[in-house]
Amino acid sequence: MRALTAVFVLFFSFFFQWGMADAGEIYRWNFKPAENNEPSDTEPKYKELLATYNGYFIGNPENKTLYLTFDNGYEEGYTEDILDVLKEKDVPAAFFVTGHYLNSAPELVQRMEEEGHIVGNHSWSHPSLPELGKKELKEELERVNDKYQEQTGGQKMQYLRPPQGTFSERTLAETEKLGYTNVFWSFAYVDWETGSQRGADHAYQSIMKRIHPGAVMLLHSVSEDNADALARVIDECRRRGYTFQNLDHLVLDADEQIPPL
């Protein structure tokens, strides 16, 4: 009887751990910026995983196309200005929102939807996805999607930006099965520290220094600098021959988007 009980306990212990913990290696996204506005790169392993699970971090490095994306964890008062600029300049963008954002700024999410921007999933509570079990991961994403559809009447969310930039092979595989396309980035700078904003010129110079063909640009909507510099950035990028596209364009051109390993 004791032996049977021990086997029973061992089995359910294994089952619990398998359901709640990630046995695979946890990665933290990083990109390798290049000089002279050449395309960024990343780790060979990361490119291999994205190719396997249909994720992206950069567009076609041969084309002067830009993909503008914002992470919206909470509202600091600048998203309306950003949306005004995007509307004036006729530029599409993707906004990756959390549960907190959906609850605190539903009118801005509705405007994103109405003005033709993509609203993506950034999870309900911004956890590191590899730290979640399969059920928890699914619930984190479903809560955001359900709330978004309830508020806006929009279609199911298609794009996911993993919170904190952490991922594993398991989370890439599971989120792909849930219907999501993981979108990382090939450009970012330290723009999210609201107490350390350095002015529109700093944002403009930081962005233009590293802009490159196929760039998936990660900006944060809490940055006053970004909001103030955005119109100038768009105008200068266009002057240099760049065009702005949405993430659907990135996926439709999938065969050319991910550079060879």
C-alpha atoms as a PDB file:
ATOM      1  CA  MET A   1       0.000   0.000   0.000  1.00  0.00           C
ATOM      2  CA  ARG A   2       2.848   2.372   0.897  1.00  0.00           C
ATOM      3  CA  ALA A   3       4.578   1.575  -2.383  1.00  0.00           C
ATOM      4  CA  LEU A   4       1.371   2.289  -4.319  1.00  0.00           C
ATOM      5  CA  THR A   5       0.906   5.567  -2.461  1.00  0.00           C
ATOM      6  CA  ALA A   6       4.496   6.570  -3.203  1.00  0.00           C
ATOM      7  CA  VAL A   7       4.003   5.895  -6.914  1.00  0.00           C
ATOM      8  CA  PHE A   8       0.746   7.880  -6.854  1.00  0.00           C
ATOM      9  CA  VAL A   9       2.420  10.856  -5.176  1.00  0.00           C
ATOM     10  CA  LEU A  10       5.403  10.704  -7.538  1.00  0.00           C
ATOM     11  CA  PHE A  11       3.139  10.632 -10.595  1.00  0.00           C
ATOM     12  CA  PHE A  12       1.067  13.615  -9.543  1.00  0.00           C
ATOM     13  CA  SER A  13       4.159  15.528  -8.459  1.00  0.00           C
ATOM     14  CA  PHE A  14       5.639  14.991 -11.911  1.00  0.00           C
ATOM     15  CA  PHE A  15       2.354  15.932 -13.595  1.00  0.00           C
ATOM     16  CA  PHE A  16       2.051  19.119 -11.543  1.00  0.00           C
ATOM     17  CA  GLN A  17       5.597  20.191 -12.287  1.00  0.00           C
ATOM     18  CA  TRP A  18       5.209  19.413 -15.975  1.00  0.00           C
ATOM     19  CA  GLY A  19       2.074  21.542 -16.127  1.00  0.00           C
ATOM     20  CA  MET A  20       3.460  24.476 -14.139  1.00  0.00           C
ATOM     21  CA  ALA A  21       7.158  24.761 -14.937  1.00  0.00           C
ATOM     22  CA  ASP A  22       9.175  25.274 -18.065  1.00  0.00           C
ATOM     23  CA  ALA A  23      11.746  22.526 -18.461  1.00  0.00           C
ATOM     24  CA  GLY A  24      13.426  24.301 -21.362  1.00  0.00           C
ATOM     25  CA  GLU A  25      16.020  27.044 -21.365  1.00  0.00           C
ATOM     26  CA  ILE A  26      14.740  30.574 -20.782  1.00  0.00           C
ATOM     27  CA  TYR A  27      16.001  33.251 -23.152  1.00  0.00           C
ATOM     28  CA  ARG A  28      15.927  37.040 -22.896  1.00  0.00           C
ATOM     29  CA  TRP A  29      15.565  38.787 -26.225  1.00  0.00           C
ATOM     30  CA  ASN A  30      18.440  40.901 -27.440  1.00  0.00           C
ATOM     31  CA  PHE A  31      19.421  42.366 -30.766  1.00  0.00           C
ATOM     32  CA  LYS A  32      22.787  43.394 -32.163  1.00  0.00           C
ATOM     33  CA  PRO A  33      22.683  46.902 -33.640  1.00  0.00           C
ATOM     34  CA  ALA A  34      24.910  47.648 -36.603  1.00  0.00           C
ATOM     35  CA  GLU A  35      26.731  50.770 -37.680  1.00  0.00           C
ATOM     36  CA  ASN A  36      25.765  53.094 -40.532  1.00  0.00           C
ATOM     37  CA  ASN A  37      22.061  52.215 -40.429  1.00  0.00           C
ATOM     38  CA  GLU A  38      22.678  48.631 -41.483  1.00  0.00           C
ATOM     39  CA  PRO A  39      20.150  45.961 -40.367  1.00  0.00           C
ATOM     40  CA  SER A  40      20.400  44.627 -36.836  1.00  0.00           C
ATOM     41  CA  ASP A  41      21.046  40.973 -36.055  1.00  0.00           C
ATOM     42  CA  THR A  42      20.405  38.655 -33.124  1.00  0.00           C
ATOM     43  CA  GLU A  43      21.610  35.316 -31.747  1.00  0.00           C
ATOM     44  CA  PRO A  44      21.673  32.406 -34.241  1.00  0.00           C
ATOM     45  CA  LYS A  45      19.667  30.310 -31.766  1.00  0.00           C
ATOM     46  CA  TYR A  46      16.960  32.960 -31.578  1.00  0.00           C
ATOM     47  CA  LYS A  47      16.692  33.132 -35.369  1.00  0.00           C
ATOM     48  CA  GLU A  48      16.443  29.347 -35.508  1.00  0.00           C
ATOM     49  CA  LEU A  49      13.592  29.324 -32.986  1.00  0.00           C
ATOM     50  CA  LEU A  50      11.714  32.143 -34.708  1.00  0.00           C
ATOM     51  CA  ALA A  51      12.018  30.374 -38.040  1.00  0.00           C
ATOM     52  CA  THR A  52      10.656  27.184 -36.487  1.00  0.00           C
ATOM     53  CA  TYR A  53       7.686  28.819 -34.734  1.00  0.00           C
ATOM     54  CA  ASN A  54       6.889  31.600 -37.219  1.00  0.00           C
ATOM     55  CA  GLY A  55       8.074  34.531 -35.143  1.00  0.00           C
ATOM     56  CA  TYR A  56       9.697  37.760 -36.313  1.00  0.00           C
ATOM     57  CA  PHE A  57      12.108  40.435 -35.208  1.00  0.00           C
ATOM     58  CA  ILE A  58      12.978  42.168 -38.485  1.00  0.00           C
ATOM     59  CA  GLY A  59      11.537  42.634 -41.936  1.00  0.00           C
ATOM     60  CA  ASN A  60      13.248  42.170 -45.263  1.00  0.00           C
ATOM     61  CA  PRO A  61      16.704  43.751 -44.811  1.00  0.00           C
ATOM     62  CA  GLU A  62      16.810  44.495 -48.528  1.00  0.00           C
ATOM     63  CA  ASN A  63      13.769  46.794 -48.401  1.00  0.00           C
ATOM     64  CA  LYS A  64      13.520  50.220 -46.783  1.00  0.00           C
ATOM     65  CA  THR A  65      10.368  49.282 -44.903  1.00  0.00           C
ATOM     66  CA  LEU A  66       9.713  50.142 -41.253  1.00  0.00           C
ATOM     67  CA  TYR A  67       7.304  48.571 -38.773  1.00  0.00           C
ATOM     68  CA  LEU A  68       6.349  50.912 -35.958  1.00  0.00           C
ATOM     69  CA  THR A  69       5.287  49.201 -32.723  1.00  0.00           C
ATOM     70  CA  PHE A  70       4.510  50.514 -29.240  1.00  0.00           C
ATOM     71  CA  ASP A  71       4.308  48.680 -25.923  1.00  0.00           C
ATOM     72  CA  ASN A  72       1.423  50.010 -23.811  1.00  0.00           C
ATOM     73  CA  GLY A  73       1.645  48.671 -20.281  1.00  0.00           C
ATOM     74  CA  TYR A  74       0.024  51.723 -18.735  1.00  0.00           C
ATOM     75  CA  GLU A  75      -1.005  55.213 -19.820  1.00  0.00           C
ATOM     76  CA  GLU A  76       1.095  58.280 -19.065  1.00  0.00           C
ATOM     77  CA  GLY A  77      -0.852  60.777 -21.148  1.00  0.00           C
ATOM     78  CA  TYR A  78       1.045  60.653 -24.452  1.00  0.00           C
ATOM     79  CA  THR A  79      -0.735  57.986 -26.498  1.00  0.00           C
ATOM     80  CA  GLU A  80      -3.362  60.436 -27.701  1.00  0.00           C
ATOM     81  CA  ASP A  81      -0.593  62.668 -29.075  1.00  0.00           C
ATOM     82  CA  ILE A  82       1.015  59.657 -30.744  1.00  0.00           C
ATOM     83  CA  LEU A  83      -2.273  58.677 -32.347  1.00  0.00           C
ATOM     84  CA  ASP A  84      -2.779  62.239 -33.552  1.00  0.00           C
ATOM     85  CA  VAL A  85       0.605  62.180 -35.301  1.00  0.00           C
ATOM     86  CA  LEU A  86      -0.012  58.765 -36.844  1.00  0.00           C
ATOM     87  CA  LYS A  87      -3.361  59.951 -38.169  1.00  0.00           C
ATOM     88  CA  GLU A  88      -1.922  63.170 -39.564  1.00  0.00           C
ATOM     89  CA  LYS A  89       0.970  61.349 -41.236  1.00  0.00           C
ATOM     90  CA  ASP A  90      -1.133  58.350 -42.333  1.00  0.00           C
ATOM     91  CA  VAL A  91       1.207  55.836 -40.691  1.00  0.00           C
ATOM     92  CA  PRO A  92       0.074  52.426 -39.387  1.00  0.00           C
ATOM     93  CA  ALA A  93       1.340  51.085 -36.077  1.00  0.00           C
ATOM     94  CA  ALA A  94       0.885  48.197 -33.694  1.00  0.00           C
ATOM     95  CA  PHE A  95       0.106  48.737 -30.015  1.00  0.00           C
ATOM     96  CA  PHE A  96       0.781  45.842 -27.642  1.00  0.00           C
ATOM     97  CA  VAL A  97      -1.518  46.258 -24.632  1.00  0.00           C
ATOM     98  CA  THR A  98      -1.801  44.721 -21.175  1.00  0.00           C
ATOM     99  CA  GLY A  99      -4.846  44.065 -19.030  1.00  0.00           C
ATOM    100  CA  HIS A 100      -4.079  47.168 -16.997  1.00  0.00           C
ATOM    101  CA  TYR A 101      -4.109  49.260 -20.159  1.00  0.00           C
ATOM    102  CA  LEU A 102      -7.413  47.827 -21.328  1.00  0.00           C
ATOM    103  CA  ASN A 103      -8.972  48.671 -17.974  1.00  0.00           C
ATOM    104  CA  SER A 104      -7.469  52.138 -17.595  1.00  0.00           C
ATOM    105  CA  ALA A 105      -7.568  53.476 -21.174  1.00  0.00           C
ATOM    106  CA  PRO A 106     -10.408  51.738 -23.066  1.00  0.00           C
ATOM    107  CA  GLU A 107     -11.178  54.857 -25.110  1.00  0.00           C
ATOM    108  CA  LEU A 108      -7.633  54.896 -26.516  1.00  0.00           C
ATOM    109  CA  VAL A 109      -7.795  51.205 -27.394  1.00  0.00           C
ATOM    110  CA  GLN A 110     -11.085  51.868 -29.172  1.00  0.00           C
ATOM    111  CA  ARG A 111      -9.448  54.674 -31.104  1.00  0.00           C
ATOM    112  CA  MET A 112      -6.539  52.411 -32.115  1.00  0.00           C
ATOM    113  CA  GLU A 113      -9.056  49.927 -33.485  1.00  0.00           C
ATOM    114  CA  GLU A 114     -11.158  52.543 -35.270  1.00  0.00           C
ATOM    115  CA  GLU A 115      -8.155  54.199 -36.901  1.00  0.00           C
ATOM    116  CA  GLY A 116      -6.895  50.951 -38.380  1.00  0.00           C
ATOM    117  CA  HIS A 117      -3.965  50.171 -36.121  1.00  0.00           C
ATOM    118  CA  ILE A 118      -3.146  46.663 -34.960  1.00  0.00           C
ATOM    119  CA  VAL A 119      -3.768  45.993 -31.275  1.00  0.00           C
ATOM    120  CA  GLY A 120      -1.565  43.168 -30.048  1.00  0.00           C
ATOM    121  CA  ASN A 121      -1.385  41.079 -26.894  1.00  0.00           C
ATOM    122  CA  HIS A 122       1.177  41.952 -24.227  1.00  0.00           C
ATOM    123  CA  SER A 123      -0.392  39.647 -21.594  1.00  0.00           C
ATOM    124  CA  TRP A 124      -2.755  40.529 -18.751  1.00  0.00           C
ATOM    125  CA  SER A 125      -0.268  41.153 -15.937  1.00  0.00           C
ATOM    126  CA  HIS A 126       3.118  41.316 -17.747  1.00  0.00           C
ATOM    127  CA  PRO A 127       4.705  38.151 -16.326  1.00  0.00           C
ATOM    128  CA  SER A 128       7.675  36.299 -17.749  1.00  0.00           C
ATOM    129  CA  LEU A 129       5.839  33.732 -19.874  1.00  0.00           C
ATOM    130  CA  PRO A 130       8.370  30.889 -19.398  1.00  0.00           C
ATOM    131  CA  GLU A 131       7.668  31.040 -15.664  1.00  0.00           C
ATOM    132  CA  LEU A 132       4.021  30.125 -16.277  1.00  0.00           C
ATOM    133  CA  GLY A 133       2.489  26.721 -16.781  1.00  0.00           C
ATOM    134  CA  LYS A 134       0.498  25.968 -19.904  1.00  0.00           C
ATOM    135  CA  LYS A 135      -2.857  26.797 -18.308  1.00  0.00           C
ATOM    136  CA  GLU A 136      -1.633  30.060 -16.766  1.00  0.00           C
ATOM    137  CA  LEU A 137      -0.036  31.172 -20.013  1.00  0.00           C
ATOM    138  CA  LYS A 138      -3.236  30.570 -21.924  1.00  0.00           C
ATOM    139  CA  GLU A 139      -5.298  32.447 -19.323  1.00  0.00           C
ATOM    140  CA  GLU A 140      -2.924  35.446 -19.400  1.00  0.00           C
ATOM    141  CA  LEU A 141      -3.439  35.812 -23.130  1.00  0.00           C
ATOM    142  CA  GLU A 142      -7.128  34.890 -23.270  1.00  0.00           C
ATOM    143  CA  ARG A 143      -8.062  37.519 -20.672  1.00  0.00           C
ATOM    144  CA  VAL A 144      -6.486  40.257 -22.799  1.00  0.00           C
ATOM    145  CA  ASN A 145      -8.015  39.030 -26.034  1.00  0.00           C
ATOM    146  CA  ASP A 146     -11.486  38.555 -24.541  1.00  0.00           C
ATOM    147  CA  LYS A 147     -11.470  41.996 -22.926  1.00  0.00           C
ATOM    148  CA  TYR A 148     -10.241  43.613 -26.144  1.00  0.00           C
ATOM    149  CA  GLN A 149     -12.947  41.976 -28.242  1.00  0.00           C
ATOM    150  CA  GLU A 150     -15.595  42.848 -25.659  1.00  0.00           C
ATOM    151  CA  GLN A 151     -14.550  46.513 -25.650  1.00  0.00           C
ATOM    152  CA  THR A 152     -13.984  47.070 -29.367  1.00  0.00           C
ATOM    153  CA  GLY A 153     -15.769  44.325 -31.266  1.00  0.00           C
ATOM    154  CA  GLY A 154     -12.474  43.672 -33.037  1.00  0.00           C
ATOM    155  CA  GLN A 155     -11.185  40.404 -34.406  1.00  0.00           C
ATOM    156  CA  LYS A 156      -9.141  37.971 -32.304  1.00  0.00           C
ATOM    157  CA  MET A 157      -5.695  39.264 -31.559  1.00  0.00           C
ATOM    158  CA  GLN A 158      -3.061  37.808 -33.845  1.00  0.00           C
ATOM    159  CA  TYR A 159       0.207  39.280 -32.614  1.00  0.00           C
ATOM    160  CA  LEU A 160       2.004  38.756 -29.307  1.00  0.00           C
ATOM    161  CA  ARG A 161       4.908  40.604 -27.762  1.00  0.00           C
ATOM    162  CA  PRO A 162       6.301  38.501 -24.912  1.00  0.00           C
ATOM    163  CA  PRO A 163       6.460  40.559 -21.712  1.00  0.00           C
ATOM    164  CA  GLN A 164       9.938  41.410 -20.457  1.00  0.00           C
ATOM    165  CA  GLY A 165      11.350  39.992 -23.699  1.00  0.00           C
ATOM    166  CA  THR A 166      11.627  36.539 -22.114  1.00  0.00           C
ATOM    167  CA  PHE A 167      10.725  33.373 -23.987  1.00  0.00           C
ATOM    168  CA  SER A 168      11.526  29.709 -24.390  1.00  0.00           C
ATOM    169  CA  GLU A 169      11.000  27.141 -27.074  1.00  0.00           C
ATOM    170  CA  ARG A 170       7.962  25.938 -25.139  1.00  0.00           C
ATOM    171  CA  THR A 171       6.337  29.364 -24.979  1.00  0.00           C
ATOM    172  CA  LEU A 172       6.978  29.980 -28.670  1.00  0.00           C
ATOM    173  CA  ALA A 173       5.411  26.611 -29.496  1.00  0.00           C
ATOM    174  CA  GLU A 174       2.415  27.023 -27.175  1.00  0.00           C
ATOM    175  CA  THR A 175       1.613  30.571 -28.247  1.00  0.00           C
ATOM    176  CA  GLU A 176       1.852  29.586 -31.902  1.00  0.00           C
ATOM    177  CA  LYS A 177      -0.699  26.822 -31.206  1.00  0.00           C
ATOM    178  CA  LEU A 178      -2.942  29.458 -29.624  1.00  0.00           C
ATOM    179  CA  GLY A 179      -2.860  31.345 -32.919  1.00  0.00           C
ATOM    180  CA  TYR A 180      -0.313  34.033 -32.074  1.00  0.00           C
ATOM    181  CA  THR A 181       2.614  35.382 -34.059  1.00  0.00           C
ATOM    182  CA  ASN A 182       5.433  36.388 -31.738  1.00  0.00           C
ATOM    183  CA  VAL A 183       6.896  39.781 -32.659  1.00  0.00           C
ATOM    184  CA  PHE A 184      10.182  40.865 -31.117  1.00  0.00           C
ATOM    185  CA  TRP A 185      12.195  43.857 -32.372  1.00  0.00           C
ATOM    186  CA  SER A 186      15.355  44.955 -34.154  1.00  0.00           C
ATOM    187  CA  PHE A 187      15.441  48.459 -32.706  1.00  0.00           C
ATOM    188  CA  ALA A 188      14.855  49.885 -29.238  1.00  0.00           C
ATOM    189  CA  TYR A 189      16.448  52.384 -26.906  1.00  0.00           C
ATOM    190  CA  VAL A 190      16.027  53.306 -23.243  1.00  0.00           C
ATOM    191  CA  ASP A 191      12.822  55.312 -23.592  1.00  0.00           C
ATOM    192  CA  TRP A 192      10.607  53.813 -20.891  1.00  0.00           C
ATOM    193  CA  GLU A 193      12.074  55.569 -17.844  1.00  0.00           C
ATOM    194  CA  THR A 194       9.509  58.297 -17.320  1.00  0.00           C
ATOM    195  CA  GLY A 195      11.673  60.104 -14.769  1.00  0.00           C
ATOM    196  CA  SER A 196      14.651  60.253 -17.128  1.00  0.00           C
ATOM    197  CA  GLN A 197      13.258  61.783 -20.292  1.00  0.00           C
ATOM    198  CA  ARG A 198      15.898  63.795 -22.126  1.00  0.00           C
ATOM    199  CA  GLY A 199      13.905  65.730 -24.703  1.00  0.00           C
ATOM    200  CA  ALA A 200      12.633  65.281 -28.237  1.00  0.00           C
ATOM    201  CA  ASP A 201      16.051  65.827 -29.805  1.00  0.00           C
ATOM    202  CA  HIS A 202      17.482  62.920 -27.833  1.00  0.00           C
ATOM    203  CA  ALA A 203      14.651  60.640 -28.974  1.00  0.00           C
ATOM    204  CA  TYR A 204      15.036  61.781 -32.572  1.00  0.00           C
ATOM    205  CA  GLN A 205      18.803  61.231 -32.607  1.00  0.00           C
ATOM    206  CA  SER A 206      18.547  57.865 -30.839  1.00  0.00           C
ATOM    207  CA  ILE A 207      16.035  56.609 -33.388  1.00  0.00           C
ATOM    208  CA  MET A 208      17.640  57.998 -36.535  1.00  0.00           C
ATOM    209  CA  LYS A 209      21.075  56.715 -35.521  1.00  0.00           C
ATOM    210  CA  ARG A 210      19.872  53.114 -35.613  1.00  0.00           C
ATOM    211  CA  ILE A 211      17.038  53.122 -38.135  1.00  0.00           C
ATOM    212  CA  HIS A 212      17.587  50.420 -40.764  1.00  0.00           C
ATOM    213  CA  PRO A 213      15.844  48.545 -43.594  1.00  0.00           C
ATOM    214  CA  GLY A 214      13.208  46.170 -42.252  1.00  0.00           C
ATOM    215  CA  ALA A 215      13.344  47.610 -38.743  1.00  0.00           C
ATOM    216  CA  VAL A 216      10.710  46.441 -36.283  1.00  0.00           C
ATOM    217  CA  MET A 217      10.819  49.471 -34.026  1.00  0.00           C
ATOM    218  CA  LEU A 218       9.964  49.075 -30.353  1.00  0.00           C
ATOM    219  CA  LEU A 219       8.945  52.341 -28.704  1.00  0.00           C
ATOM    220  CA  HIS A 220       7.108  52.932 -25.436  1.00  0.00           C
ATOM    221  CA  SER A 221       4.070  55.161 -25.358  1.00  0.00           C
ATOM    222  CA  VAL A 222       4.910  56.382 -21.828  1.00  0.00           C
ATOM    223  CA  SER A 223       7.787  58.390 -23.297  1.00  0.00           C
ATOM    224  CA  GLU A 224       7.085  62.103 -23.693  1.00  0.00           C
ATOM    225  CA  ASP A 225      10.226  62.281 -25.828  1.00  0.00           C
ATOM    226  CA  ASN A 226       8.826  59.786 -28.309  1.00  0.00           C
ATOM    227  CA  ALA A 227       5.544  61.629 -28.606  1.00  0.00           C
ATOM    228  CA  ASP A 228       7.312  64.934 -29.205  1.00  0.00           C
ATOM    229  CA  ALA A 229       9.787  63.506 -31.737  1.00  0.00           C
ATOM    230  CA  LEU A 230       7.503  61.177 -33.676  1.00  0.00           C
ATOM    231  CA  ALA A 231       6.372  63.548 -36.435  1.00  0.00           C
ATOM    232  CA  ARG A 232       9.939  64.609 -37.143  1.00  0.00           C
ATOM    233  CA  VAL A 233      11.092  60.965 -37.185  1.00  0.00           C
ATOM    234  CA  ILE A 234       8.399  60.003 -39.684  1.00  0.00           C
ATOM    235  CA  ASP A 235       9.186  62.923 -41.974  1.00  0.00           C
ATOM    236  CA  GLU A 236      12.929  62.247 -41.944  1.00  0.00           C
ATOM    237  CA  CYS A 237      12.499  58.509 -42.507  1.00  0.00           C
ATOM    238  CA  ARG A 238      10.335  59.219 -45.526  1.00  0.00           C
ATOM    239  CA  ARG A 239      12.859  61.750 -46.786  1.00  0.00           C
ATOM    240  CA  ARG A 240      15.469  58.963 -46.634  1.00  0.00           C
ATOM    241  CA  GLY A 241      13.271  56.708 -48.731  1.00  0.00           C
ATOM    242  CA  TYR A 242      11.620  54.573 -46.051  1.00  0.00           C
ATOM    243  CA  THR A 243       7.986  53.540 -46.037  1.00  0.00           C
ATOM    244  CA  PHE A 244       5.864  52.442 -43.076  1.00  0.00           C
ATOM    245  CA  GLN A 245       3.874  49.206 -43.136  1.00  0.00           C
ATOM    246  CA  ASN A 246       1.842  47.224 -40.613  1.00  0.00           C
ATOM    247  CA  LEU A 247       2.653  43.799 -39.201  1.00  0.00           C
ATOM    248  CA  ASP A 248       0.324  42.065 -41.650  1.00  0.00           C
ATOM    249  CA  HIS A 249       2.734  43.137 -44.373  1.00  0.00           C
ATOM    250  CA  LEU A 250       5.567  41.545 -42.393  1.00  0.00           C
ATOM    251  CA  VAL A 251       3.772  38.198 -42.304  1.00  0.00           C
ATOM    252  CA  LEU A 252       2.462  38.233 -45.868  1.00  0.00           C
ATOM    253  CA  ASP A 253       6.013  38.644 -47.102  1.00  0.00           C
ATOM    254  CA  ALA A 254       7.214  35.919 -44.742  1.00  0.00           C
ATOM    255  CA  ASP A 255       9.500  34.052 -47.124  1.00  0.00           C
ATOM    256  CA  GLU A 256      11.730  37.106 -47.429  1.00  0.00           C
ATOM    257  CA  GLN A 257      11.441  38.466 -43.921  1.00  0.00           C
ATOM    258  CA  ILE A 258      13.783  36.322 -41.838  1.00  0.00           C
ATOM    259  CA  PRO A 259      17.413  36.495 -42.978  1.00  0.00           C
ATOM    260  CA  PRO A 260      19.292  33.210 -43.478  1.00  0.00           C
ATOM    261  CA  LEU A 261      20.923  31.728 -40.376  1.00  0.00           C
END
